C-alpha cells in the first residue's frame, strides 16, 4: 500500500481568521516570537499498490480543495515496515 498526503492551505492573499485567532492566543501562553499562524488541512489517500500521484492530483483538484481560495501540495509518504503482529 502507498500513501499520498494532500496538504490544503488557504492562498496567501486569503484571510485566515482561524489562524489569526491562534496567533492572538499565543501571547497568553507566553509565546511571543511567532509572527503568524495559518491553518490548513491534511488528507491521506491510501492506494492499493503504488502511489498514483496523477489520480491523487485529480481527487484533490476536484474534491478536496477549492481552487478559488486554496492551494494544495501532494507528496508520497513512505510507510515504515511494522514488525509482525503490530498494527499501525
PDB file of N, CA and C in Angstrom:
ATOM      1  N   UNK A   1       0.834  -1.180   0.000  1.00  0.00           N
ATOM      2  CA  UNK A   1       0.000   0.000   0.000  1.00  0.00           C
ATOM      3  C   UNK A   1       0.879   1.243   0.000  1.00  0.00           C
ATOM      4  N   UNK A   2       0.429   2.260  -0.686  1.00  0.00           N
ATOM      5  CA  UNK A   2       1.167   3.525  -0.726  1.00  0.00           C
ATOM      6  C   UNK A   2       0.242   4.646  -0.286  1.00  0.00           C
ATOM      7  N   UNK A   3       0.804   5.624   0.378  1.00  0.00           N
ATOM      8  CA  UNK A   3       0.029   6.747   0.889  1.00  0.00           C
ATOM      9  C   UNK A   3       0.472   8.037   0.214  1.00  0.00           C
ATOM     10  N   UNK A   4      -0.506   8.796  -0.262  1.00  0.00           N
ATOM     11  CA  UNK A   4      -0.259  10.138  -0.773  1.00  0.00           C
ATOM     12  C   UNK A   4      -0.881  11.112   0.220  1.00  0.00           C
ATOM     13  N   UNK A   5      -0.107  12.086   0.637  1.00  0.00           N
ATOM     14  CA  UNK A   5      -0.586  13.100   1.562  1.00  0.00           C
ATOM     15  C   UNK A   5      -0.886  14.364   0.768  1.00  0.00           C
ATOM     16  N   UNK A   6      -2.081  14.897   0.978  1.00  0.00           N
ATOM     17  CA  UNK A   6      -2.502  16.140   0.345  1.00  0.00           C
ATOM     18  C   UNK A   6      -2.595  17.193   1.438  1.00  0.00           C
ATOM     19  N   UNK A   7      -1.808  18.259   1.312  1.00  0.00           N
ATOM     20  CA  UNK A   7      -1.885  19.388   2.234  1.00  0.00           C
ATOM     21  C   UNK A   7      -2.618  20.514   1.527  1.00  0.00           C
ATOM     22  N   UNK A   8      -3.704  20.984   2.141  1.00  0.00           N
ATOM     23  CA  UNK A   8      -4.515  22.049   1.569  1.00  0.00           C
ATOM     24  C   UNK A   8      -4.386  23.272   2.468  1.00  0.00           C
ATOM     25  N   UNK A   9      -4.022  24.398   1.857  1.00  0.00           N
ATOM     26  CA  UNK A   9      -3.874  25.655   2.607  1.00  0.00           C
ATOM     27  C   UNK A   9      -4.598  26.774   1.869  1.00  0.00           C
ATOM     28  N   UNK A  10      -5.101  27.732   2.643  1.00  0.00           N
ATOM     29  CA  UNK A  10      -5.649  28.925   2.019  1.00  0.00           C
ATOM     30  C   UNK A  10      -4.545  29.635   1.253  1.00  0.00           C
ATOM     31  N   UNK A  11      -4.909  30.231   0.127  1.00  0.00           N
ATOM     32  CA  UNK A  11      -3.932  31.019  -0.628  1.00  0.00           C
ATOM     33  C   UNK A  11      -3.440  32.163   0.255  1.00  0.00           C
ATOM     34  N   UNK A  12      -2.199  32.606   0.054  1.00  0.00           N
ATOM     35  CA  UNK A  12      -1.629  33.641   0.926  1.00  0.00           C
ATOM     36  C   UNK A  12      -2.462  34.927   0.994  1.00  0.00           C
ATOM     37  N   UNK A  13      -3.147  35.265  -0.091  1.00  0.00           N
ATOM     38  CA  UNK A  13      -3.918  36.515  -0.093  1.00  0.00           C
ATOM     39  C   UNK A  13      -5.290  36.389   0.583  1.00  0.00           C
ATOM     40  N   UNK A  14      -5.666  35.177   0.986  1.00  0.00           N
ATOM     41  CA  UNK A  14      -6.943  34.950   1.650  1.00  0.00           C
ATOM     42  C   UNK A  14      -6.751  35.062   3.161  1.00  0.00           C
ATOM     43  N   UNK A  15      -7.591  35.836   3.815  1.00  0.00           N
ATOM     44  CA  UNK A  15      -7.516  35.978   5.263  1.00  0.00           C
ATOM     45  C   UNK A  15      -7.827  34.645   5.932  1.00  0.00           C
ATOM     46  N   UNK A  16      -7.142  34.371   7.033  1.00  0.00           N
ATOM     47  CA  UNK A  16      -7.294  33.124   7.775  1.00  0.00           C
ATOM     48  C   UNK A  16      -7.711  33.454   9.212  1.00  0.00           C
ATOM     49  N   UNK A  17      -9.022  33.609   9.471  1.00  0.00           N
ATOM     50  CA  UNK A  17      -9.456  34.001  10.813  1.00  0.00           C
ATOM     51  C   UNK A  17      -9.116  32.955  11.881  1.00  0.00           C
ATOM     52  N   UNK A  18      -9.132  31.687  11.528  1.00  0.00           N
ATOM     53  CA  UNK A  18      -8.783  30.654  12.499  1.00  0.00           C
ATOM     54  C   UNK A  18      -7.302  30.762  12.880  1.00  0.00           C
ATOM     55  N   UNK A  19      -6.452  30.944  11.892  1.00  0.00           N
ATOM     56  CA  UNK A  19      -5.032  31.132  12.163  1.00  0.00           C
ATOM     57  C   UNK A  19      -4.778  32.393  12.980  1.00  0.00           C
ATOM     58  N   UNK A  20      -5.501  33.454  12.668  1.00  0.00           N
ATOM     59  CA  UNK A  20      -5.358  34.717  13.418  1.00  0.00           C
ATOM     60  C   UNK A  20      -5.769  34.526  14.871  1.00  0.00           C
ATOM     61  N   UNK A  21      -6.840  33.761  15.118  1.00  0.00           N
ATOM     62  CA  UNK A  21      -7.276  33.505  16.491  1.00  0.00           C
ATOM     63  C   UNK A  21      -6.202  32.762  17.272  1.00  0.00           C
ATOM     64  N   UNK A  22      -5.567  31.785  16.633  1.00  0.00           N
ATOM     65  CA  UNK A  22      -4.485  31.054  17.307  1.00  0.00           C
ATOM     66  C   UNK A  22      -3.314  31.987  17.577  1.00  0.00           C
ATOM     67  N   UNK A  23      -2.940  32.784  16.588  1.00  0.00           N
ATOM     68  CA  UNK A  23      -1.820  33.719  16.765  1.00  0.00           C
ATOM     69  C   UNK A  23      -2.103  34.698  17.898  1.00  0.00           C
ATOM     70  N   UNK A  24      -3.342  35.162  18.001  1.00  0.00           N
ATOM     71  CA  UNK A  24      -3.701  36.107  19.070  1.00  0.00           C
ATOM     72  C   UNK A  24      -3.679  35.449  20.445  1.00  0.00           C
ATOM     73  N   UNK A  25      -3.905  34.137  20.524  1.00  0.00           N
ATOM     74  CA  UNK A  25      -3.914  33.435  21.808  1.00  0.00           C
ATOM     75  C   UNK A  25      -2.514  33.076  22.296  1.00  0.00           C
ATOM     76  N   UNK A  26      -1.551  33.015  21.413  1.00  0.00           N
ATOM     77  CA  UNK A  26      -0.211  32.579  21.793  1.00  0.00           C
ATOM     78  C   UNK A  26       0.436  33.423  22.895  1.00  0.00           C
ATOM     79  N   UNK A  27       0.331  34.756  22.881  1.00  0.00           N
ATOM     80  CA  UNK A  27       0.940  35.524  23.967  1.00  0.00           C
ATOM     81  C   UNK A  27       0.404  35.148  25.350  1.00  0.00           C
ATOM     82  N   UNK A  28      -0.857  34.718  25.428  1.00  0.00           N
ATOM     83  CA  UNK A  28      -1.410  34.288  26.724  1.00  0.00           C
ATOM     84  C   UNK A  28      -0.736  33.017  27.228  1.00  0.00           C
ATOM     85  N   UNK A  29      -0.106  32.282  26.302  1.00  0.00           N
ATOM     86  CA  UNK A  29       0.644  31.085  26.686  1.00  0.00           C
ATOM     87  C   UNK A  29       2.134  31.376  26.869  1.00  0.00           C
ATOM     88  N   UNK A  30       2.495  32.645  26.755  1.00  0.00           N
ATOM     89  CA  UNK A  30       3.889  33.029  26.918  1.00  0.00           C
ATOM     90  C   UNK A  30       4.707  32.920  25.647  1.00  0.00           C
ATOM     91  N   UNK A  31       4.045  32.690  24.514  1.00  0.00           N
ATOM     92  CA  UNK A  31       4.746  32.577  23.239  1.00  0.00           C
ATOM     93  C   UNK A  31       4.630  33.922  22.533  1.00  0.00           C
ATOM     94  N   UNK A  32       5.773  34.605  22.385  1.00  0.00           N
ATOM     95  CA  UNK A  32       5.728  35.949  21.807  1.00  0.00           C
ATOM     96  C   UNK A  32       6.545  36.085  20.530  1.00  0.00           C
ATOM     97  N   UNK A  33       7.202  35.021  20.086  1.00  0.00           N
ATOM     98  CA  UNK A  33       8.091  35.116  18.934  1.00  0.00           C
ATOM     99  C   UNK A  33       7.499  34.518  17.656  1.00  0.00           C
ATOM    100  N   UNK A  34       6.183  34.321  17.602  1.00  0.00           N
ATOM    101  CA  UNK A  34       5.530  33.787  16.410  1.00  0.00           C
ATOM    102  C   UNK A  34       4.930  34.954  15.627  1.00  0.00           C
ATOM    103  N   UNK A  35       5.326  35.085  14.369  1.00  0.00           N
ATOM    104  CA  UNK A  35       4.857  36.209  13.547  1.00  0.00           C
ATOM    105  C   UNK A  35       3.445  35.990  13.019  1.00  0.00           C
ATOM    106  N   UNK A  36       3.115  34.762  12.601  1.00  0.00           N
ATOM    107  CA  UNK A  36       1.772  34.488  12.091  1.00  0.00           C
ATOM    108  C   UNK A  36       1.503  32.999  12.129  1.00  0.00           C
ATOM    109  N   UNK A  37       0.228  32.647  12.018  1.00  0.00           N
ATOM    110  CA  UNK A  37      -0.204  31.246  12.000  1.00  0.00           C
ATOM    111  C   UNK A  37      -1.204  31.092  10.862  1.00  0.00           C
ATOM    112  N   UNK A  38      -1.068  30.029  10.089  1.00  0.00           N
ATOM    113  CA  UNK A  38      -2.028  29.684   9.039  1.00  0.00           C
ATOM    114  C   UNK A  38      -2.524  28.273   9.334  1.00  0.00           C
ATOM    115  N   UNK A  39      -3.806  28.058   9.214  1.00  0.00           N
ATOM    116  CA  UNK A  39      -4.412  26.764   9.484  1.00  0.00           C
ATOM    117  C   UNK A  39      -4.785  26.119   8.151  1.00  0.00           C
ATOM    118  N   UNK A  40      -4.489  24.838   8.008  1.00  0.00           N
ATOM    119  CA  UNK A  40      -4.829  24.102   6.796  1.00  0.00           C
ATOM    120  C   UNK A  40      -5.381  22.743   7.153  1.00  0.00           C
ATOM    121  N   UNK A  41      -5.397  21.860   6.172  1.00  0.00           N
ATOM    122  CA  UNK A  41      -5.863  20.502   6.434  1.00  0.00           C
ATOM    123  C   UNK A  41      -4.960  19.509   5.717  1.00  0.00           C
ATOM    124  N   UNK A  42      -4.865  18.326   6.284  1.00  0.00           N
ATOM    125  CA  UNK A  42      -4.055  17.235   5.736  1.00  0.00           C
ATOM    126  C   UNK A  42      -4.990  16.073   5.440  1.00  0.00           C
ATOM    127  N   UNK A  43      -4.907  15.562   4.242  1.00  0.00           N
ATOM    128  CA  UNK A  43      -5.715  14.425   3.827  1.00  0.00           C
ATOM    129  C   UNK A  43      -4.769  13.321   3.390  1.00  0.00           C
ATOM    130  N   UNK A  44      -5.000  12.108   3.843  1.00  0.00           N
ATOM    131  CA  UNK A  44      -4.187  10.962   3.457  1.00  0.00           C
ATOM    132  C   UNK A  44      -5.011  10.057   2.556  1.00  0.00           C
ATOM    133  N   UNK A  45      -4.461   9.716   1.402  1.00  0.00           N
ATOM    134  CA  UNK A  45      -5.115   8.812   0.465  1.00  0.00           C
ATOM    135  C   UNK A  45      -4.228   7.576   0.348  1.00  0.00           C
ATOM    136  N   UNK A  46      -4.774   6.420   0.687  1.00  0.00           N
ATOM    137  CA  UNK A  46      -4.019   5.178   0.580  1.00  0.00           C
ATOM    138  C   UNK A  46      -4.437   4.436  -0.678  1.00  0.00           C
ATOM    139  N   UNK A  47      -3.476   4.131  -1.496  1.00  0.00           N
ATOM    140  CA  UNK A  47      -3.688   3.385  -2.736  1.00  0.00           C
ATOM    141  C   UNK A  47      -3.262   1.945  -2.531  1.00  0.00           C
ATOM    142  N   UNK A  48      -3.982   1.026  -3.138  1.00  0.00           N
ATOM    143  CA  UNK A  48      -3.523  -0.350  -3.180  1.00  0.00           C
ATOM    144  C   UNK A  48      -2.422  -0.394  -4.232  1.00  0.00           C
ATOM    145  N   UNK A  49      -1.292  -0.915  -3.886  1.00  0.00           N
ATOM    146  CA  UNK A  49      -0.169  -0.930  -4.817  1.00  0.00           C
ATOM    147  C   UNK A  49       0.599   0.380  -4.752  1.00  0.00           C
ATOM    148  N   UNK A  50       1.081   0.820  -5.916  1.00  0.00           N
ATOM    149  CA  UNK A  50       1.918   2.028  -5.986  1.00  0.00           C
ATOM    150  C   UNK A  50       1.082   3.298  -5.853  1.00  0.00           C
ATOM    151  N   UNK A  51       1.725   4.352  -5.386  1.00  0.00           N
ATOM    152  CA  UNK A  51       1.063   5.656  -5.278  1.00  0.00           C
ATOM    153  C   UNK A  51       0.766   6.182  -6.675  1.00  0.00           C
ATOM    154  N   UNK A  52      -0.412   6.720  -6.859  1.00  0.00           N
ATOM    155  CA  UNK A  52      -0.828   7.282  -8.148  1.00  0.00           C
ATOM    156  C   UNK A  52      -0.994   8.786  -7.975  1.00  0.00           C
ATOM    157  N   UNK A  53       0.099   9.524  -8.210  1.00  0.00           N
ATOM    158  CA  UNK A  53       0.066  10.976  -7.987  1.00  0.00           C
ATOM    159  C   UNK A  53      -0.901  11.695  -8.915  1.00  0.00           C
ATOM    160  N   UNK A  54      -1.020  11.227 -10.146  1.00  0.00           N
ATOM    161  CA  UNK A  54      -1.955  11.879 -11.066  1.00  0.00           C
ATOM    162  C   UNK A  54      -3.393  11.707 -10.595  1.00  0.00           C
ATOM    163  N   UNK A  55      -3.731  10.516 -10.124  1.00  0.00           N
ATOM    164  CA  UNK A  55      -5.086  10.276  -9.594  1.00  0.00           C
ATOM    165  C   UNK A  55      -5.298  11.114  -8.338  1.00  0.00           C
ATOM    166  N   UNK A  56      -4.296  11.174  -7.468  1.00  0.00           N
ATOM    167  CA  UNK A  56      -4.402  11.973  -6.251  1.00  0.00           C
ATOM    168  C   UNK A  56      -4.573  13.452  -6.587  1.00  0.00           C
ATOM    169  N   UNK A  57      -3.856  13.927  -7.618  1.00  0.00           N
ATOM    170  CA  UNK A  57      -3.986  15.329  -8.044  1.00  0.00           C
ATOM    171  C   UNK A  57      -5.412  15.600  -8.525  1.00  0.00           C
ATOM    172  N   UNK A  58      -5.967  14.671  -9.273  1.00  0.00           N
ATOM    173  CA  UNK A  58      -7.341  14.818  -9.771  1.00  0.00           C
ATOM    174  C   UNK A  58      -8.337  14.858  -8.598  1.00  0.00           C
ATOM    175  N   UNK A  59      -8.146  13.978  -7.626  1.00  0.00           N
ATOM    176  CA  UNK A  59      -9.022  13.953  -6.454  1.00  0.00           C
ATOM    177  C   UNK A  59      -8.931  15.272  -5.696  1.00  0.00           C
ATOM    178  N   UNK A  60      -7.704  15.748  -5.476  1.00  0.00           N
ATOM    179  CA  UNK A  60      -7.513  16.994  -4.737  1.00  0.00           C
ATOM    180  C   UNK A  60      -8.107  18.179  -5.480  1.00  0.00           C
ATOM    181  N   UNK A  61      -7.893  18.222  -6.783  1.00  0.00           N
ATOM    182  CA  UNK A  61      -8.364  19.352  -7.583  1.00  0.00           C
ATOM    183  C   UNK A  61      -9.886  19.398  -7.675  1.00  0.00           C
ATOM    184  N   UNK A  62     -10.520  18.227  -7.782  1.00  0.00           N
ATOM    185  CA  UNK A  62     -11.972  18.190  -7.995  1.00  0.00           C
ATOM    186  C   UNK A  62     -12.781  18.072  -6.711  1.00  0.00           C
ATOM    187  N   UNK A  63     -12.150  17.604  -5.623  1.00  0.00           N
ATOM    188  CA  UNK A  63     -12.935  17.298  -4.443  1.00  0.00           C
ATOM    189  C   UNK A  63     -12.399  17.891  -3.140  1.00  0.00           C
ATOM    190  N   UNK A  64     -11.104  17.902  -2.961  1.00  0.00           N
ATOM    191  CA  UNK A  64     -10.545  18.242  -1.652  1.00  0.00           C
ATOM    192  C   UNK A  64     -10.223  19.715  -1.450  1.00  0.00           C
ATOM    193  N   UNK A  65      -9.906  20.428  -2.517  1.00  0.00           N
ATOM    194  CA  UNK A  65      -9.516  21.832  -2.399  1.00  0.00           C
ATOM    195  C   UNK A  65     -10.422  22.702  -3.259  1.00  0.00           C
ATOM    196  N   UNK A  66     -10.688  23.891  -2.765  1.00  0.00           N
ATOM    197  CA  UNK A  66     -11.427  24.887  -3.535  1.00  0.00           C
ATOM    198  C   UNK A  66     -10.388  25.742  -4.262  1.00  0.00           C
ATOM    199  N   UNK A  67     -10.235  25.579  -5.570  1.00  0.00           N
ATOM    200  CA  UNK A  67      -9.151  26.262  -6.287  1.00  0.00           C
ATOM    201  C   UNK A  67      -9.260  27.788  -6.279  1.00  0.00           C
ATOM    202  N   UNK A  68     -10.405  28.317  -5.944  1.00  0.00           N
ATOM    203  CA  UNK A  68     -10.568  29.771  -5.888  1.00  0.00           C
ATOM    204  C   UNK A  68      -9.819  30.351  -4.691  1.00  0.00           C
ATOM    205  N   UNK A  69      -9.838  29.634  -3.551  1.00  0.00           N
ATOM    206  CA  UNK A  69      -9.247  30.187  -2.330  1.00  0.00           C
ATOM    207  C   UNK A  69      -8.150  29.315  -1.717  1.00  0.00           C
ATOM    208  N   UNK A  70      -7.933  28.108  -2.261  1.00  0.00           N
ATOM    209  CA  UNK A  70      -6.971  27.194  -1.652  1.00  0.00           C
ATOM    210  C   UNK A  70      -5.957  26.670  -2.667  1.00  0.00           C
ATOM    211  N   UNK A  71      -4.765  26.386  -2.166  1.00  0.00           N
ATOM    212  CA  UNK A  71      -3.726  25.687  -2.911  1.00  0.00           C
ATOM    213  C   UNK A  71      -3.521  24.334  -2.241  1.00  0.00           C
ATOM    214  N   UNK A  72      -2.973  23.379  -2.988  1.00  0.00           N
ATOM    215  CA  UNK A  72      -2.653  22.093  -2.373  1.00  0.00           C
ATOM    216  C   UNK A  72      -1.315  21.598  -2.883  1.00  0.00           C
ATOM    217  N   UNK A  73      -0.694  20.768  -2.069  1.00  0.00           N
ATOM    218  CA  UNK A  73       0.538  20.077  -2.452  1.00  0.00           C
ATOM    219  C   UNK A  73       0.333  18.593  -2.211  1.00  0.00           C
ATOM    220  N   UNK A  74       1.059  17.791  -2.972  1.00  0.00           N
ATOM    221  CA  UNK A  74       0.998  16.334  -2.845  1.00  0.00           C
ATOM    222  C   UNK A  74       2.383  15.809  -2.526  1.00  0.00           C
ATOM    223  N   UNK A  75       2.421  14.738  -1.747  1.00  0.00           N
ATOM    224  CA  UNK A  75       3.683  14.042  -1.532  1.00  0.00           C
ATOM    225  C   UNK A  75       3.387  12.596  -1.183  1.00  0.00           C
ATOM    226  N   UNK A  76       4.280  11.732  -1.591  1.00  0.00           N
ATOM    227  CA  UNK A  76       4.171  10.320  -1.248  1.00  0.00           C
ATOM    228  C   UNK A  76       4.832  10.135   0.105  1.00  0.00           C
ATOM    229  N   UNK A  77       4.116   9.510   1.014  1.00  0.00           N
ATOM    230  CA  UNK A  77       4.658   9.250   2.346  1.00  0.00           C
ATOM    231  C   UNK A  77       5.058   7.792   2.422  1.00  0.00           C
ATOM    232  N   UNK A  78       6.315   7.574   2.687  1.00  0.00           N
ATOM    233  CA  UNK A  78       6.817   6.213   2.800  1.00  0.00           C
ATOM    234  C   UNK A  78       6.302   5.603   4.092  1.00  0.00           C
ATOM    235  N   UNK A  79       5.883   4.379   3.996  1.00  0.00           N
ATOM    236  CA  UNK A  79       5.377   3.672   5.173  1.00  0.00           C
ATOM    237  C   UNK A  79       6.493   2.799   5.713  1.00  0.00           C
ATOM    238  N   UNK A  80       6.741   2.933   6.986  1.00  0.00           N
ATOM    239  CA  UNK A  80       7.756   2.088   7.618  1.00  0.00           C
ATOM    240  C   UNK A  80       7.158   0.711   7.846  1.00  0.00           C
ATOM    241  N   UNK A  81       7.970  -0.303   7.611  1.00  0.00           N
ATOM    242  CA  UNK A  81       7.513  -1.674   7.839  1.00  0.00           C
ATOM    243  C   UNK A  81       7.310  -1.871   9.338  1.00  0.00           C
ATOM    244  N   UNK A  82       6.178  -2.450   9.684  1.00  0.00           N
ATOM    245  CA  UNK A  82       5.880  -2.755  11.080  1.00  0.00           C
ATOM    246  C   UNK A  82       6.306  -4.188  11.379  1.00  0.00           C
ATOM    247  N   UNK A  83       6.822  -4.424  12.585  1.00  0.00           N
ATOM    248  CA  UNK A  83       7.136  -5.807  12.960  1.00  0.00           C
ATOM    249  C   UNK A  83       5.860  -6.637  12.919  1.00  0.00           C
ATOM    250  N   UNK A  84       6.025  -7.931  12.617  1.00  0.00           N
ATOM    251  CA  UNK A  84       4.856  -8.818  12.511  1.00  0.00           C
ATOM    252  C   UNK A  84       4.060  -8.773  13.791  1.00  0.00           C
ATOM    253  N   UNK A  85       2.735  -8.747  13.626  1.00  0.00           N
ATOM    254  CA  UNK A  85       1.851  -8.773  14.793  1.00  0.00           C
ATOM    255  C   UNK A  85       1.480  -7.392  15.307  1.00  0.00           C
ATOM    256  N   UNK A  86       2.165  -6.342  14.852  1.00  0.00           N
ATOM    257  CA  UNK A  86       1.846  -4.979  15.293  1.00  0.00           C
ATOM    258  C   UNK A  86       1.038  -4.285  14.218  1.00  0.00           C
ATOM    259  N   UNK A  87       0.045  -3.523  14.677  1.00  0.00           N
ATOM    260  CA  UNK A  87      -0.756  -2.728  13.745  1.00  0.00           C
ATOM    261  C   UNK A  87      -0.299  -1.293  13.791  1.00  0.00           C
ATOM    262  N   UNK A  88      -0.525  -0.599  12.701  1.00  0.00           N
ATOM    263  CA  UNK A  88      -0.143   0.806  12.649  1.00  0.00           C
ATOM    264  C   UNK A  88      -1.214   1.681  13.208  1.00  0.00           C
TER     265      UNK A  88
END
